[in-house]
N, C-alpha and C. Protein backbone atom coordinates (compact mmCIF):
# COMPACT_ATOMS: atom_id res chain seq x y z
N UNK A 1 151.57 90.13 119.46
CA UNK A 1 150.34 89.63 119.47
C UNK A 1 149.03 89.74 119.84
N UNK A 2 149.85 89.93 121.12
CA UNK A 2 148.57 90.70 122.07
C UNK A 2 147.71 91.97 121.26
N UNK A 3 149.39 92.95 120.71
CA UNK A 3 148.36 94.41 120.54
C UNK A 3 147.95 93.95 118.77
N UNK A 4 148.33 93.23 118.08
CA UNK A 4 147.96 93.18 116.98
C UNK A 4 146.17 92.41 117.41
N UNK A 5 145.73 92.08 118.45
CA UNK A 5 144.55 91.32 118.75
C UNK A 5 144.15 92.71 119.19
N UNK A 6 144.28 92.79 120.14
CA UNK A 6 143.71 94.41 120.66
C UNK A 6 143.41 95.50 119.72
N UNK A 7 144.53 95.88 118.46
CA UNK A 7 143.72 96.37 117.51
C UNK A 7 143.35 96.02 116.48
N UNK A 8 143.20 94.82 115.77
CA UNK A 8 142.06 94.15 115.65
C UNK A 8 140.79 94.19 116.25
N UNK A 9 140.48 94.04 117.62
CA UNK A 9 139.14 93.77 118.07
C UNK A 9 138.84 95.67 118.34
N UNK A 10 139.62 96.67 118.15
CA UNK A 10 139.60 98.36 117.99
C UNK A 10 138.72 98.22 116.70
N UNK A 11 139.28 97.75 115.45
CA UNK A 11 138.43 97.73 114.29
C UNK A 11 137.56 97.64 113.79
N UNK A 12 137.39 96.53 114.43
CA UNK A 12 135.52 95.83 114.14
C UNK A 12 134.88 96.05 114.97
N UNK A 13 135.33 96.80 116.22
CA UNK A 13 134.23 97.42 117.15
C UNK A 13 133.67 98.85 116.28
N UNK A 14 134.72 99.50 115.66
CA UNK A 14 134.66 100.77 114.74
C UNK A 14 133.85 100.62 113.53
N UNK A 15 133.88 99.70 113.46
CA UNK A 15 133.50 99.34 111.74
C UNK A 15 131.63 99.55 112.53
N UNK A 16 131.55 98.70 113.66
CA UNK A 16 129.68 98.32 114.15
C UNK A 16 129.16 99.79 113.75
N UNK A 17 130.18 101.32 114.46
CA UNK A 17 129.61 102.34 114.46
C UNK A 17 129.01 103.01 112.98
N UNK A 18 129.49 102.60 112.06
CA UNK A 18 128.84 103.42 111.06
C UNK A 18 127.39 103.55 110.33
N UNK A 19 126.84 104.42 110.03
CA UNK A 19 125.60 105.03 109.65
C UNK A 19 125.03 104.40 108.33
N UNK A 20 124.05 104.14 108.24
CA UNK A 20 123.54 103.57 106.83
C UNK A 20 123.15 104.58 106.18
N UNK A 21 123.10 104.68 105.03
CA UNK A 21 122.56 105.62 104.09
C UNK A 21 120.69 105.71 104.27
N UNK A 22 120.24 106.95 104.35
CA UNK A 22 118.88 107.03 104.01
C UNK A 22 118.29 106.95 102.92
N UNK A 23 118.07 106.10 102.52
CA UNK A 23 118.03 106.88 100.58
C UNK A 23 116.62 106.81 100.05
N UNK A 24 116.00 105.48 100.54
CA UNK A 24 114.59 105.44 100.28
C UNK A 24 113.74 105.85 101.55
N UNK A 25 112.53 106.36 100.87
CA UNK A 25 111.12 106.43 101.70
C UNK A 25 110.23 106.56 101.12
N UNK A 26 108.97 105.78 102.27
CA UNK A 26 107.90 105.29 101.82
C UNK A 26 107.01 106.98 102.06
N UNK A 27 107.35 107.72 102.03
CA UNK A 27 106.40 109.17 102.34
C UNK A 27 106.64 109.82 101.11
N UNK A 28 105.91 110.63 100.43
CA UNK A 28 105.34 111.40 99.10
C UNK A 28 105.61 112.80 99.23
N UNK A 29 106.53 113.25 99.43
CA UNK A 29 106.86 115.22 99.72
C UNK A 29 106.74 115.58 98.67
N UNK A 30 106.62 115.07 97.81
CA UNK A 30 106.49 116.32 96.74
C UNK A 30 104.92 117.25 96.20
N UNK A 31 103.47 116.64 97.19
CA UNK A 31 103.01 117.74 97.11
C UNK A 31 102.09 118.08 98.73
N UNK A 32 101.43 119.29 98.52
CA UNK A 32 101.49 119.74 99.85
C UNK A 32 100.35 119.24 100.49
N UNK A 33 100.44 118.76 101.60
CA UNK A 33 99.73 118.17 102.95
C UNK A 33 98.07 118.80 102.50
N UNK A 34 97.78 119.62 102.40
CA UNK A 34 96.14 119.72 101.88
C UNK A 34 95.80 119.37 100.88
N UNK A 35 96.51 118.48 100.11
CA UNK A 35 96.43 118.25 98.71
C UNK A 35 94.93 116.32 99.29
N UNK A 36 95.69 116.47 100.55
CA UNK A 36 94.99 114.98 100.36
C UNK A 36 95.82 114.02 99.85
N UNK A 37 94.68 112.79 100.81
CA UNK A 37 94.95 111.30 100.25
C UNK A 37 93.82 110.40 99.91
N UNK A 38 93.96 109.50 99.84
CA UNK A 38 92.90 108.19 99.58
C UNK A 38 92.80 107.69 100.71
N UNK A 39 93.04 108.18 101.62
CA UNK A 39 92.89 107.66 103.43
C UNK A 39 91.12 107.61 103.10
N UNK A 40 90.42 106.46 103.78
CA UNK A 40 89.15 106.62 104.12
C UNK A 40 89.01 107.30 106.02
N UNK A 41 90.10 108.01 106.56
CA UNK A 41 90.45 108.36 107.90
C UNK A 41 90.09 109.73 108.00
N UNK A 42 90.24 110.18 107.14
CA UNK A 42 90.12 111.62 107.00
C UNK A 42 89.09 112.83 107.79
N UNK A 43 89.39 114.04 108.78
CA UNK A 43 88.71 114.32 109.37
C UNK A 43 87.41 114.90 108.42
N UNK A 44 86.14 114.68 109.19
CA UNK A 44 85.08 115.65 108.39
C UNK A 44 84.89 116.66 108.45
N UNK A 45 84.52 117.26 107.17
CA UNK A 45 84.51 118.72 107.07
C UNK A 45 85.43 119.39 106.48
N UNK A 46 86.38 118.09 106.42
CA UNK A 46 87.75 118.69 105.34
C UNK A 46 87.21 118.09 104.19
N UNK A 47 87.72 118.98 102.73
CA UNK A 47 87.39 119.12 101.44
C UNK A 47 89.25 118.32 100.56
N UNK A 48 89.63 117.49 100.37
CA UNK A 48 90.80 117.15 99.82
C UNK A 48 90.76 118.70 98.94
N UNK A 49 92.17 118.83 98.83
CA UNK A 49 92.58 119.86 97.54
C UNK A 49 92.17 121.36 98.05
N UNK A 50 90.98 121.62 99.26
CA UNK A 50 91.42 123.14 99.58
C UNK A 50 91.68 123.41 100.75
N UNK A 51 92.28 124.24 100.32
CA UNK A 51 93.10 125.03 101.41
C UNK A 51 93.15 125.39 102.47
N UNK A 52 91.74 126.28 102.15
CA UNK A 52 91.20 126.96 103.63
C UNK A 52 90.69 126.09 104.42
N UNK A 53 89.95 125.03 103.59
CA UNK A 53 89.45 124.15 104.44
C UNK A 53 90.46 123.14 105.38
N UNK A 54 91.82 122.58 105.13
CA UNK A 54 93.01 122.51 105.62
C UNK A 54 92.85 123.21 106.85
N UNK A 55 93.20 124.74 106.57
CA UNK A 55 93.59 125.54 107.37
C UNK A 55 92.28 125.71 108.78
N UNK A 56 91.14 125.49 108.15
CA UNK A 56 90.52 125.51 109.51
C UNK A 56 90.33 124.31 110.43
N UNK A 57 90.59 123.29 109.93
CA UNK A 57 90.38 122.13 110.37
C UNK A 57 92.06 121.99 111.10
N UNK A 58 92.87 122.33 110.76
CA UNK A 58 94.27 122.36 111.73
C UNK A 58 93.97 123.45 112.65
N UNK A 59 93.26 124.46 112.92
CA UNK A 59 92.63 125.50 113.83
C UNK A 59 91.68 124.99 115.08
N UNK A 60 90.80 124.25 114.24
CA UNK A 60 89.90 123.68 115.20
C UNK A 60 90.46 122.15 116.04
N UNK A 61 91.54 121.57 115.58
CA UNK A 61 92.12 120.45 115.91
C UNK A 61 92.52 120.91 117.43
N UNK A 62 93.63 122.42 116.75
CA UNK A 62 94.37 122.83 117.69
C UNK A 62 93.62 123.86 119.11
N UNK A 63 92.27 124.28 118.97
CA UNK A 63 92.12 124.47 119.88
C UNK A 63 90.92 123.41 120.43
N UNK A 64 90.52 122.12 120.22
CA UNK A 64 89.95 121.28 121.09
C UNK A 64 90.65 120.53 121.51
N UNK A 65 91.58 120.06 120.71
CA UNK A 65 91.99 119.14 121.21
C UNK A 65 93.61 118.83 121.65
N UNK A 66 94.28 120.31 121.55
CA UNK A 66 95.58 120.25 121.94
C UNK A 66 96.37 121.72 122.57
N UNK A 67 94.71 122.09 122.88
CA UNK A 67 94.96 123.61 124.22
C UNK A 67 94.56 123.27 125.18
N UNK A 68 95.36 123.10 125.97
CA UNK A 68 95.14 122.63 127.78
C UNK A 68 94.12 123.45 128.50
N UNK A 69 94.47 124.50 128.19
CA UNK A 69 93.45 125.44 128.91
C UNK A 69 91.54 124.87 128.46
N UNK A 70 91.59 124.58 127.52
CA UNK A 70 90.14 124.62 127.12
C UNK A 70 90.28 122.87 127.34
N UNK A 71 90.90 121.65 127.37
CA UNK A 71 90.52 120.75 128.00
C UNK A 71 90.28 121.20 129.38
N UNK A 72 91.02 121.54 129.99
CA UNK A 72 90.36 121.44 131.80
C UNK A 72 89.70 122.13 132.17
N UNK A 73 89.02 123.09 131.62
CA UNK A 73 87.27 123.79 131.64
C UNK A 73 86.46 122.87 131.44
């Protein structure tokens, strides 16, 4: 009787360890990032659909805000 209770407890505790499948996603992944969105909070100077403008904005963002050497000076 005690063994079956332990087995039942082990089975129930291991059943909770299963991972649910992640099939749905809110993000749309079939368009390149530089194509843009209808978001009103886009960076100024960036033209949606222009790949060179997108790359320039990334370079500017990296140099101005994510480069610790430039931020300290």
